[in-house]
PDB file of N, CA and C in Angstrom:
ATOM      1  N   MET A   1     -30.819 -12.871  34.026  1.00  0.00           N
ATOM      2  CA  MET A   1     -30.049 -13.911  34.689  1.00  0.00           C
ATOM      3  C   MET A   1     -28.695 -13.347  35.115  1.00  0.00           C
ATOM      4  N   ASP A   2     -28.167 -13.910  36.150  1.00  0.00           N
ATOM      5  CA  ASP A   2     -26.851 -13.468  36.591  1.00  0.00           C
ATOM      6  C   ASP A   2     -25.761 -14.253  35.866  1.00  0.00           C
ATOM      7  N   LEU A   3     -24.553 -13.798  35.996  1.00  0.00           N
ATOM      8  CA  LEU A   3     -23.417 -14.367  35.271  1.00  0.00           C
ATOM      9  C   LEU A   3     -23.190 -15.838  35.625  1.00  0.00           C
ATOM     10  N   LEU A   4     -23.330 -16.184  36.890  1.00  0.00           N
ATOM     11  CA  LEU A   4     -23.103 -17.569  37.309  1.00  0.00           C
ATOM     12  C   LEU A   4     -24.099 -18.524  36.654  1.00  0.00           C
ATOM     13  N   THR A   5     -25.343 -18.129  36.567  1.00  0.00           N
ATOM     14  CA  THR A   5     -26.360 -18.960  35.915  1.00  0.00           C
ATOM     15  C   THR A   5     -26.047 -19.134  34.427  1.00  0.00           C
ATOM     16  N   GLU A   6     -25.669 -18.056  33.773  1.00  0.00           N
ATOM     17  CA  GLU A   6     -25.336 -18.134  32.351  1.00  0.00           C
ATOM     18  C   GLU A   6     -24.115 -19.017  32.108  1.00  0.00           C
ATOM     19  N   LEU A   7     -23.102 -18.910  32.945  1.00  0.00           N
ATOM     20  CA  LEU A   7     -21.918 -19.763  32.797  1.00  0.00           C
ATOM     21  C   LEU A   7     -22.257 -21.228  33.052  1.00  0.00           C
ATOM     22  N   THR A   8     -23.127 -21.492  34.011  1.00  0.00           N
ATOM     23  CA  THR A   8     -23.552 -22.869  34.284  1.00  0.00           C
ATOM     24  C   THR A   8     -24.285 -23.458  33.089  1.00  0.00           C
ATOM     25  N   ILE A   9     -25.167 -22.678  32.483  1.00  0.00           N
ATOM     26  CA  ILE A   9     -25.892 -23.142  31.290  1.00  0.00           C
ATOM     27  C   ILE A   9     -24.918 -23.411  30.148  1.00  0.00           C
ATOM     28  N   LEU A  10     -23.939 -22.519  29.958  1.00  0.00           N
ATOM     29  CA  LEU A  10     -22.944 -22.702  28.899  1.00  0.00           C
ATOM     30  C   LEU A  10     -22.146 -23.984  29.097  1.00  0.00           C
ATOM     31  N   VAL A  11     -21.678 -24.234  30.311  1.00  0.00           N
ATOM     32  CA  VAL A  11     -20.882 -25.430  30.592  1.00  0.00           C
ATOM     33  C   VAL A  11     -21.731 -26.693  30.410  1.00  0.00           C
ATOM     34  N   LEU A  12     -22.959 -26.680  30.899  1.00  0.00           N
ATOM     35  CA  LEU A  12     -23.834 -27.848  30.739  1.00  0.00           C
ATOM     36  C   LEU A  12     -24.163 -28.109  29.270  1.00  0.00           C
ATOM     37  N   ALA A  13     -24.410 -27.044  28.514  1.00  0.00           N
ATOM     38  CA  ALA A  13     -24.697 -27.204  27.092  1.00  0.00           C
ATOM     39  C   ALA A  13     -23.489 -27.778  26.353  1.00  0.00           C
ATOM     40  N   ALA A  14     -22.287 -27.310  26.685  1.00  0.00           N
ATOM     41  CA  ALA A  14     -21.079 -27.838  26.049  1.00  0.00           C
ATOM     42  C   ALA A  14     -20.887 -29.313  26.393  1.00  0.00           C
ATOM     43  N   PHE A  15     -21.116 -29.678  27.641  1.00  0.00           N
ATOM     44  CA  PHE A  15     -20.961 -31.071  28.058  1.00  0.00           C
ATOM     45  C   PHE A  15     -21.986 -31.971  27.365  1.00  0.00           C
ATOM     46  N   VAL A  16     -23.237 -31.566  27.359  1.00  0.00           N
ATOM     47  CA  VAL A  16     -24.286 -32.364  26.710  1.00  0.00           C
ATOM     48  C   VAL A  16     -24.018 -32.471  25.208  1.00  0.00           C
ATOM     49  N   GLY A  17     -23.626 -31.366  24.565  1.00  0.00           N
ATOM     50  CA  GLY A  17     -23.313 -31.397  23.133  1.00  0.00           C
ATOM     51  C   GLY A  17     -22.179 -32.350  22.819  1.00  0.00           C
ATOM     52  N   PHE A  18     -21.128 -32.315  23.633  1.00  0.00           N
ATOM     53  CA  PHE A  18     -20.004 -33.223  23.424  1.00  0.00           C
ATOM     54  C   PHE A  18     -20.432 -34.680  23.574  1.00  0.00           C
ATOM     55  N   GLU A  19     -21.214 -34.973  24.590  1.00  0.00           N
ATOM     56  CA  GLU A  19     -21.670 -36.343  24.818  1.00  0.00           C
ATOM     57  C   GLU A  19     -22.577 -36.833  23.688  1.00  0.00           C
ATOM     58  N   VAL A  20     -23.454 -35.974  23.209  1.00  0.00           N
ATOM     59  CA  VAL A  20     -24.362 -36.375  22.127  1.00  0.00           C
ATOM     60  C   VAL A  20     -23.582 -36.622  20.842  1.00  0.00           C
ATOM     61  N   ILE A  21     -22.691 -35.716  20.482  1.00  0.00           N
ATOM     62  CA  ILE A  21     -21.928 -35.853  19.242  1.00  0.00           C
ATOM     63  C   ILE A  21     -21.004 -37.059  19.293  1.00  0.00           C
ATOM     64  N   SER A  22     -20.419 -37.352  20.441  1.00  0.00           N
ATOM     65  CA  SER A  22     -19.495 -38.484  20.521  1.00  0.00           C
ATOM     66  C   SER A  22     -20.214 -39.831  20.391  1.00  0.00           C
ATOM     67  N   LYS A  23     -21.515 -39.855  20.615  1.00  0.00           N
ATOM     68  CA  LYS A  23     -22.281 -41.103  20.513  1.00  0.00           C
ATOM     69  C   LYS A  23     -22.858 -41.342  19.119  1.00  0.00           C
ATOM     70  N   VAL A  24     -22.699 -40.397  18.199  1.00  0.00           N
ATOM     71  CA  VAL A  24     -23.255 -40.532  16.851  1.00  0.00           C
ATOM     72  C   VAL A  24     -22.393 -41.509  16.048  1.00  0.00           C
ATOM     73  N   PRO A  25     -23.009 -42.545  15.459  1.00  0.00           N
ATOM     74  CA  PRO A  25     -22.224 -43.472  14.637  1.00  0.00           C
ATOM     75  C   PRO A  25     -21.739 -42.798  13.347  1.00  0.00           C
ATOM     76  N   ASN A  26     -20.679 -43.327  12.795  1.00  0.00           N
ATOM     77  CA  ASN A  26     -20.061 -42.733  11.602  1.00  0.00           C
ATOM     78  C   ASN A  26     -21.023 -42.642  10.425  1.00  0.00           C
ATOM     79  N   THR A  27     -21.953 -43.574  10.304  1.00  0.00           N
ATOM     80  CA  THR A  27     -22.863 -43.570   9.161  1.00  0.00           C
ATOM     81  C   THR A  27     -23.836 -42.394   9.195  1.00  0.00           C
ATOM     82  N   LEU A  28     -23.994 -41.767  10.342  1.00  0.00           N
ATOM     83  CA  LEU A  28     -24.917 -40.631  10.442  1.00  0.00           C
ATOM     84  C   LEU A  28     -24.230 -39.280  10.328  1.00  0.00           C
ATOM     85  N   HIS A  29     -22.917 -39.251  10.214  1.00  0.00           N
ATOM     86  CA  HIS A  29     -22.231 -37.963  10.172  1.00  0.00           C
ATOM     87  C   HIS A  29     -22.590 -37.167   8.924  1.00  0.00           C
ATOM     88  N   THR A  30     -22.729 -37.820   7.768  1.00  0.00           N
ATOM     89  CA  THR A  30     -23.040 -37.091   6.540  1.00  0.00           C
ATOM     90  C   THR A  30     -24.407 -36.421   6.608  1.00  0.00           C
ATOM     91  N   PRO A  31     -25.472 -37.138   6.999  1.00  0.00           N
ATOM     92  CA  PRO A  31     -26.769 -36.438   7.100  1.00  0.00           C
ATOM     93  C   PRO A  31     -26.768 -35.327   8.147  1.00  0.00           C
ATOM     94  N   LEU A  32     -26.075 -35.531   9.243  1.00  0.00           N
ATOM     95  CA  LEU A  32     -26.016 -34.487  10.263  1.00  0.00           C
ATOM     96  C   LEU A  32     -25.250 -33.275   9.760  1.00  0.00           C
ATOM     97  N   MET A  33     -24.183 -33.505   8.997  1.00  0.00           N
ATOM     98  CA  MET A  33     -23.411 -32.396   8.446  1.00  0.00           C
ATOM     99  C   MET A  33     -24.268 -31.592   7.472  1.00  0.00           C
ATOM    100  N   SER A  34     -25.081 -32.273   6.677  1.00  0.00           N
ATOM    101  CA  SER A  34     -25.960 -31.563   5.748  1.00  0.00           C
ATOM    102  C   SER A  34     -26.985 -30.728   6.499  1.00  0.00           C
ATOM    103  N   ALA A  35     -27.509 -31.257   7.581  1.00  0.00           N
ATOM    104  CA  ALA A  35     -28.491 -30.506   8.375  1.00  0.00           C
ATOM    105  C   ALA A  35     -27.853 -29.285   9.019  1.00  0.00           C
ATOM    106  N   THR A  36     -26.641 -29.435   9.540  1.00  0.00           N
ATOM    107  CA  THR A  36     -26.001 -28.276  10.162  1.00  0.00           C
ATOM    108  C   THR A  36     -25.606 -27.236   9.117  1.00  0.00           C
ATOM    109  N   ASN A  37     -25.315 -27.661   7.893  1.00  0.00           N
ATOM    110  CA  ASN A  37     -25.048 -26.689   6.835  1.00  0.00           C
ATOM    111  C   ASN A  37     -26.285 -25.844   6.569  1.00  0.00           C
ATOM    112  N   ALA A  38     -27.460 -26.465   6.568  1.00  0.00           N
ATOM    113  CA  ALA A  38     -28.692 -25.713   6.359  1.00  0.00           C
ATOM    114  C   ALA A  38     -28.912 -24.717   7.499  1.00  0.00           C
ATOM    115  N   ILE A  39     -28.649 -25.138   8.725  1.00  0.00           N
ATOM    116  CA  ILE A  39     -28.816 -24.242   9.874  1.00  0.00           C
ATOM    117  C   ILE A  39     -27.832 -23.080   9.792  1.00  0.00           C
ATOM    118  N   HIS A  40     -26.588 -23.361   9.413  1.00  0.00           N
ATOM    119  CA  HIS A  40     -25.608 -22.284   9.310  1.00  0.00           C
ATOM    120  C   HIS A  40     -25.937 -21.331   8.169  1.00  0.00           C
ATOM    121  N   GLY A  41     -26.581 -21.852   7.125  1.00  0.00           N
ATOM    122  CA  GLY A  41     -27.043 -20.966   6.055  1.00  0.00           C
ATOM    123  C   GLY A  41     -28.069 -19.974   6.564  1.00  0.00           C
ATOM    124  N   ILE A  42     -28.955 -20.419   7.437  1.00  0.00           N
ATOM    125  CA  ILE A  42     -29.947 -19.526   8.030  1.00  0.00           C
ATOM    126  C   ILE A  42     -29.261 -18.512   8.932  1.00  0.00           C
ATOM    127  N   VAL A  43     -28.249 -18.946   9.678  1.00  0.00           N
ATOM    128  CA  VAL A  43     -27.499 -18.030  10.541  1.00  0.00           C
ATOM    129  C   VAL A  43     -26.801 -16.960   9.696  1.00  0.00           C
ATOM    130  N   LEU A  44     -26.231 -17.357   8.564  1.00  0.00           N
ATOM    131  CA  LEU A  44     -25.580 -16.382   7.686  1.00  0.00           C
ATOM    132  C   LEU A  44     -26.589 -15.365   7.151  1.00  0.00           C
ATOM    133  N   LEU A  45     -27.752 -15.841   6.747  1.00  0.00           N
ATOM    134  CA  LEU A  45     -28.777 -14.929   6.258  1.00  0.00           C
ATOM    135  C   LEU A  45     -29.176 -13.930   7.343  1.00  0.00           C
ATOM    136  N   GLY A  46     -29.325 -14.417   8.576  1.00  0.00           N
ATOM    137  CA  GLY A  46     -29.631 -13.519   9.689  1.00  0.00           C
ATOM    138  C   GLY A  46     -28.541 -12.499   9.918  1.00  0.00           C
ATOM    139  N   GLY A  47     -27.284 -12.922   9.834  1.00  0.00           N
ATOM    140  CA  GLY A  47     -26.163 -11.994  10.003  1.00  0.00           C
ATOM    141  C   GLY A  47     -26.142 -10.925   8.930  1.00  0.00           C
ATOM    142  N   ILE A  48     -26.453 -11.324   7.701  1.00  0.00           N
ATOM    143  CA  ILE A  48     -26.474 -10.355   6.600  1.00  0.00           C
ATOM    144  C   ILE A  48     -27.615  -9.355   6.793  1.00  0.00           C
ATOM    145  N   LEU A  49     -28.755  -9.846   7.266  1.00  0.00           N
ATOM    146  CA  LEU A  49     -29.881  -8.941   7.519  1.00  0.00           C
ATOM    147  C   LEU A  49     -29.578  -7.976   8.664  1.00  0.00           C
ATOM    148  N   VAL A  50     -28.916  -8.472   9.708  1.00  0.00           N
ATOM    149  CA  VAL A  50     -28.629  -7.635  10.871  1.00  0.00           C
ATOM    150  C   VAL A  50     -27.575  -6.583  10.553  1.00  0.00           C
ATOM    151  N   ILE A  51     -26.620  -6.921   9.686  1.00  0.00           N
ATOM    152  CA  ILE A  51     -25.554  -5.954   9.402  1.00  0.00           C
ATOM    153  C   ILE A  51     -26.102  -4.706   8.713  1.00  0.00           C
ATOM    154  N   GLY A  52     -27.232  -4.838   8.017  1.00  0.00           N
ATOM    155  CA  GLY A  52     -27.847  -3.668   7.394  1.00  0.00           C
ATOM    156  C   GLY A  52     -28.384  -2.680   8.421  1.00  0.00           C
ATOM    157  N   GLU A  53     -28.790  -3.179   9.571  1.00  0.00           N
ATOM    158  CA  GLU A  53     -29.350  -2.329  10.623  1.00  0.00           C
ATOM    159  C   GLU A  53     -28.322  -1.931  11.683  1.00  0.00           C
ATOM    160  N   ALA A  54     -27.133  -2.513  11.624  1.00  0.00           N
ATOM    161  CA  ALA A  54     -26.131  -2.277  12.674  1.00  0.00           C
ATOM    162  C   ALA A  54     -25.636  -0.843  12.613  1.00  0.00           C
ATOM    163  N   GLY A  55     -25.389  -0.309  13.778  1.00  0.00           N
ATOM    164  CA  GLY A  55     -24.845   1.038  13.866  1.00  0.00           C
ATOM    165  C   GLY A  55     -23.530   1.006  14.628  1.00  0.00           C
ATOM    166  N   GLY A  56     -22.593   1.750  14.173  1.00  0.00           N
ATOM    167  CA  GLY A  56     -21.311   1.811  14.861  1.00  0.00           C
ATOM    168  C   GLY A  56     -20.299   0.871  14.244  1.00  0.00           C
ATOM    169  N   PHE A  57     -19.057   1.302  14.300  1.00  0.00           N
ATOM    170  CA  PHE A  57     -17.978   0.536  13.672  1.00  0.00           C
ATOM    171  C   PHE A  57     -17.761  -0.815  14.340  1.00  0.00           C
ATOM    172  N   LEU A  58     -17.780  -0.851  15.668  1.00  0.00           N
ATOM    173  CA  LEU A  58     -17.508  -2.094  16.387  1.00  0.00           C
ATOM    174  C   LEU A  58     -18.570  -3.154  16.079  1.00  0.00           C
ATOM    175  N   ASN A  59     -19.838  -2.749  16.045  1.00  0.00           N
ATOM    176  CA  ASN A  59     -20.903  -3.708  15.725  1.00  0.00           C
ATOM    177  C   ASN A  59     -20.738  -4.266  14.322  1.00  0.00           C
ATOM    178  N   GLU A  60     -20.429  -3.397  13.374  1.00  0.00           N
ATOM    179  CA  GLU A  60     -20.241  -3.852  11.997  1.00  0.00           C
ATOM    180  C   GLU A  60     -19.021  -4.764  11.874  1.00  0.00           C
ATOM    181  N   LEU A  61     -17.960  -4.434  12.583  1.00  0.00           N
ATOM    182  CA  LEU A  61     -16.753  -5.262  12.546  1.00  0.00           C
ATOM    183  C   LEU A  61     -17.033  -6.667  13.084  1.00  0.00           C
ATOM    184  N   VAL A  62     -17.722  -6.741  14.208  1.00  0.00           N
ATOM    185  CA  VAL A  62     -18.048  -8.043  14.793  1.00  0.00           C
ATOM    186  C   VAL A  62     -18.953  -8.836  13.852  1.00  0.00           C
ATOM    187  N   LEU A  63     -19.909  -8.171  13.224  1.00  0.00           N
ATOM    188  CA  LEU A  63     -20.797  -8.868  12.288  1.00  0.00           C
ATOM    189  C   LEU A  63     -20.051  -9.360  11.050  1.00  0.00           C
ATOM    190  N   VAL A  64     -19.125  -8.555  10.544  1.00  0.00           N
ATOM    191  CA  VAL A  64     -18.339  -8.996   9.374  1.00  0.00           C
ATOM    192  C   VAL A  64     -17.496 -10.219   9.737  1.00  0.00           C
ATOM    193  N   ILE A  65     -16.896 -10.203  10.899  1.00  0.00           N
ATOM    194  CA  ILE A  65     -16.106 -11.358  11.345  1.00  0.00           C
ATOM    195  C   ILE A  65     -17.000 -12.580  11.514  1.00  0.00           C
ATOM    196  N   ALA A  66     -18.178 -12.389  12.105  1.00  0.00           N
ATOM    197  CA  ALA A  66     -19.105 -13.508  12.297  1.00  0.00           C
ATOM    198  C   ALA A  66     -19.578 -14.070  10.965  1.00  0.00           C
ATOM    199  N   ILE A  67     -19.878 -13.195  10.014  1.00  0.00           N
ATOM    200  CA  ILE A  67     -20.318 -13.653   8.696  1.00  0.00           C
ATOM    201  C   ILE A  67     -19.184 -14.387   7.977  1.00  0.00           C
ATOM    202  N   ALA A  68     -17.965 -13.889   8.106  1.00  0.00           N
ATOM    203  CA  ALA A  68     -16.819 -14.558   7.473  1.00  0.00           C
ATOM    204  C   ALA A  68     -16.608 -15.952   8.060  1.00  0.00           C
ATOM    205  N   PHE A  69     -16.640 -16.064   9.398  1.00  0.00           N
ATOM    206  CA  PHE A  69     -16.470 -17.376  10.020  1.00  0.00           C
ATOM    207  C   PHE A  69     -17.624 -18.303   9.671  1.00  0.00           C
ATOM    208  N   GLY A  70     -18.831 -17.775   9.618  1.00  0.00           N
ATOM    209  CA  GLY A  70     -19.979 -18.591   9.242  1.00  0.00           C
ATOM    210  C   GLY A  70     -19.868 -19.095   7.816  1.00  0.00           C
ATOM    211  N   THR A  71     -19.396 -18.233   6.919  1.00  0.00           N
ATOM    212  CA  THR A  71     -19.218 -18.634   5.522  1.00  0.00           C
ATOM    213  C   THR A  71     -18.163 -19.729   5.400  1.00  0.00           C
ATOM    214  N   ILE A  72     -17.072 -19.576   6.112  1.00  0.00           N
ATOM    215  CA  ILE A  72     -16.026 -20.601   6.109  1.00  0.00           C
ATOM    216  C   ILE A  72     -16.584 -21.925   6.628  1.00  0.00           C
ATOM    217  N   ASN A  73     -17.401 -21.853   7.660  1.00  0.00           N
ATOM    218  CA  ASN A  73     -17.989 -23.058   8.234  1.00  0.00           C
ATOM    219  C   ASN A  73     -18.926 -23.743   7.246  1.00  0.00           C
ATOM    220  N   VAL A  74     -19.760 -22.982   6.559  1.00  0.00           N
ATOM    221  CA  VAL A  74     -20.695 -23.564   5.589  1.00  0.00           C
ATOM    222  C   VAL A  74     -19.934 -24.194   4.426  1.00  0.00           C
ATOM    223  N   ILE A  75     -18.977 -23.475   3.868  1.00  0.00           N
ATOM    224  CA  ILE A  75     -18.213 -23.999   2.728  1.00  0.00           C
ATOM    225  C   ILE A  75     -17.436 -25.249   3.142  1.00  0.00           C
ATOM    226  N   GLY A  76     -16.793 -25.198   4.296  1.00  0.00           N
ATOM    227  CA  GLY A  76     -16.071 -26.376   4.783  1.00  0.00           C
ATOM    228  C   GLY A  76     -16.998 -27.555   5.013  1.00  0.00           C
ATOM    229  N   GLY A  77     -18.184 -27.286   5.533  1.00  0.00           N
ATOM    230  CA  GLY A  77     -19.152 -28.359   5.750  1.00  0.00           C
ATOM    231  C   GLY A  77     -19.597 -29.000   4.446  1.00  0.00           C
ATOM    232  N   PHE A  78     -19.838 -28.182   3.431  1.00  0.00           N
ATOM    233  CA  PHE A  78     -20.224 -28.743   2.135  1.00  0.00           C
ATOM    234  C   PHE A  78     -19.076 -29.538   1.521  1.00  0.00           C
ATOM    235  N   LEU A  79     -17.854 -29.073   1.671  1.00  0.00           N
ATOM    236  CA  LEU A  79     -16.715 -29.823   1.131  1.00  0.00           C
ATOM    237  C   LEU A  79     -16.554 -31.171   1.836  1.00  0.00           C
ATOM    238  N   VAL A  80     -16.705 -31.166   3.154  1.00  0.00           N
ATOM    239  CA  VAL A  80     -16.606 -32.425   3.901  1.00  0.00           C
ATOM    240  C   VAL A  80     -17.736 -33.367   3.517  1.00  0.00           C
ATOM    241  N   THR A  81     -18.954 -32.836   3.381  1.00  0.00           N
ATOM    242  CA  THR A  81     -20.098 -33.662   2.984  1.00  0.00           C
ATOM    243  C   THR A  81     -19.868 -34.255   1.606  1.00  0.00           C
ATOM    244  N   ASP A  82     -19.374 -33.444   0.669  1.00  0.00           N
ATOM    245  CA  ASP A  82     -19.113 -33.942  -0.682  1.00  0.00           C
ATOM    246  C   ASP A  82     -18.049 -35.030  -0.659  1.00  0.00           C
ATOM    247  N   ARG A  83     -17.021 -34.831   0.136  1.00  0.00           N
ATOM    248  CA  ARG A  83     -15.954 -35.839   0.228  1.00  0.00           C
ATOM    249  C   ARG A  83     -16.477 -37.147   0.827  1.00  0.00           C
ATOM    250  N   MET A  84     -17.331 -37.025   1.841  1.00  0.00           N
ATOM    251  CA  MET A  84     -17.888 -38.234   2.454  1.00  0.00           C
ATOM    252  C   MET A  84     -18.821 -38.959   1.490  1.00  0.00           C
ATOM    253  N   LEU A  85     -19.593 -38.215   0.711  1.00  0.00           N
ATOM    254  CA  LEU A  85     -20.497 -38.852  -0.248  1.00  0.00           C
ATOM    255  C   LEU A  85     -19.729 -39.544  -1.368  1.00  0.00           C
ATOM    256  N   GLU A  86     -18.534 -39.047  -1.692  1.00  0.00           N
ATOM    257  CA  GLU A  86     -17.696 -39.702  -2.701  1.00  0.00           C
ATOM    258  C   GLU A  86     -17.333 -41.125  -2.286  1.00  0.00           C
ATOM    259  N   MET A  87     -17.257 -41.366  -0.978  1.00  0.00           N
ATOM    260  CA  MET A  87     -16.897 -42.709  -0.507  1.00  0.00           C
ATOM    261  C   MET A  87     -17.979 -43.732  -0.838  1.00  0.00           C
ATOM    262  N   PHE A  88     -19.222 -43.279  -1.000  1.00  0.00           N
ATOM    263  CA  PHE A  88     -20.315 -44.196  -1.249  1.00  0.00           C
ATOM    264  C   PHE A  88     -20.570 -44.446  -2.723  1.00  0.00           C
ATOM    265  N   LYS A  89     -19.910 -43.707  -3.596  1.00  0.00           N
ATOM    266  CA  LYS A  89     -20.084 -43.908  -5.037  1.00  0.00           C
ATOM    267  C   LYS A  89     -19.302 -45.140  -5.466  1.00  0.00           C
ATOM    268  N   PRO A  90     -19.854 -45.901  -6.430  1.00  0.00           N
ATOM    269  CA  PRO A  90     -19.107 -47.068  -6.897  1.00  0.00           C
ATOM    270  C   PRO A  90     -17.842 -46.626  -7.636  1.00  0.00           C
ATOM    271  N   ARG A  91     -16.825 -47.396  -7.440  1.00  0.00           N
ATOM    272  CA  ARG A  91     -15.552 -47.068  -8.082  1.00  0.00           C
ATOM    273  C   ARG A  91     -15.593 -47.488  -9.540  1.00  0.00           C
ATOM    274  N   LYS A  92     -14.984 -46.658 -10.379  1.00  0.00           N
ATOM    275  CA  LYS A  92     -14.905 -46.982 -11.792  1.00  0.00           C
ATOM    276  C   LYS A  92     -13.809 -48.025 -11.978  1.00  0.00           C
ATOM    277  N   PRO A  93     -14.069 -49.035 -12.802  1.00  0.00           N
ATOM    278  CA  PRO A  93     -13.005 -50.043 -13.025  1.00  0.00           C
ATOM    279  C   PRO A  93     -11.839 -49.390 -13.772  1.00  0.00           C
ATOM    280  N   LYS A  94     -10.659 -49.845 -13.424  1.00  0.00           N
ATOM    281  CA  LYS A  94      -9.481 -49.316 -14.096  1.00  0.00           C
ATOM    282  C   LYS A  94      -9.531 -49.739 -15.549  1.00  0.00           C
ATOM    283  N   SER A  95      -9.275 -48.791 -16.426  1.00  0.00           N
ATOM    284  CA  SER A  95      -9.285 -49.113 -17.862  1.00  0.00           C
ATOM    285  C   SER A  95      -8.074 -49.982 -18.173  1.00  0.00           C
ATOM    286  N   GLU A  96      -8.319 -50.962 -19.008  1.00  0.00           N
ATOM    287  CA  GLU A  96      -7.220 -51.855 -19.362  1.00  0.00           C
ATOM    288  C   GLU A  96      -6.233 -51.092 -20.229  1.00  0.00           C
ATOM    289  N   GLU A  97      -4.993 -51.497 -20.135  1.00  0.00           N
ATOM    290  CA  GLU A  97      -3.973 -50.805 -20.898  1.00  0.00           C
ATOM    291  C   GLU A  97      -4.234 -50.977 -22.388  1.00  0.00           C
ATOM    292  N   ALA A  98      -4.001 -49.943 -23.138  1.00  0.00           N
ATOM    293  CA  ALA A  98      -4.225 -49.979 -24.579  1.00  0.00           C
ATOM    294  C   ALA A  98      -3.197 -50.898 -25.236  1.00  0.00           C
ATOM    295  N   PRO A  99      -3.656 -51.682 -26.198  1.00  0.00           N
ATOM    296  CA  PRO A  99      -2.681 -52.565 -26.887  1.00  0.00           C
ATOM    297  C   PRO A  99      -1.684 -51.750 -27.676  1.00  0.00           C
ATOM    298  N   GLU A 100      -0.494 -52.249 -27.707  1.00  0.00           N
ATOM    299  CA  GLU A 100       0.577 -51.512 -28.404  1.00  0.00           C
ATOM    300  C   GLU A 100       0.679 -51.890 -29.839  1.00  0.00           C
TER     301      GLU A 100
END
């Protein structure tokens, strides 16, 4: 493919992705975040497998950066998911003050 076709696909994909994500109701964000964490875990595994076969300093550097960003994304996603799930847990009643 030529550069113009690839750029057109990139712009259309970004536009469609933005439109789809903006239409997702708040109640579905937690399940979607969990699904994307699983996908990013697979991407990290692929990056780790590829770095073993990579040759050259530049390729290894780019892979290390990609793996680091992917790891940050997965950990951040799990933290956000955990925080969102905390909202659905019943609150513990405040303990009454101890008698003096």
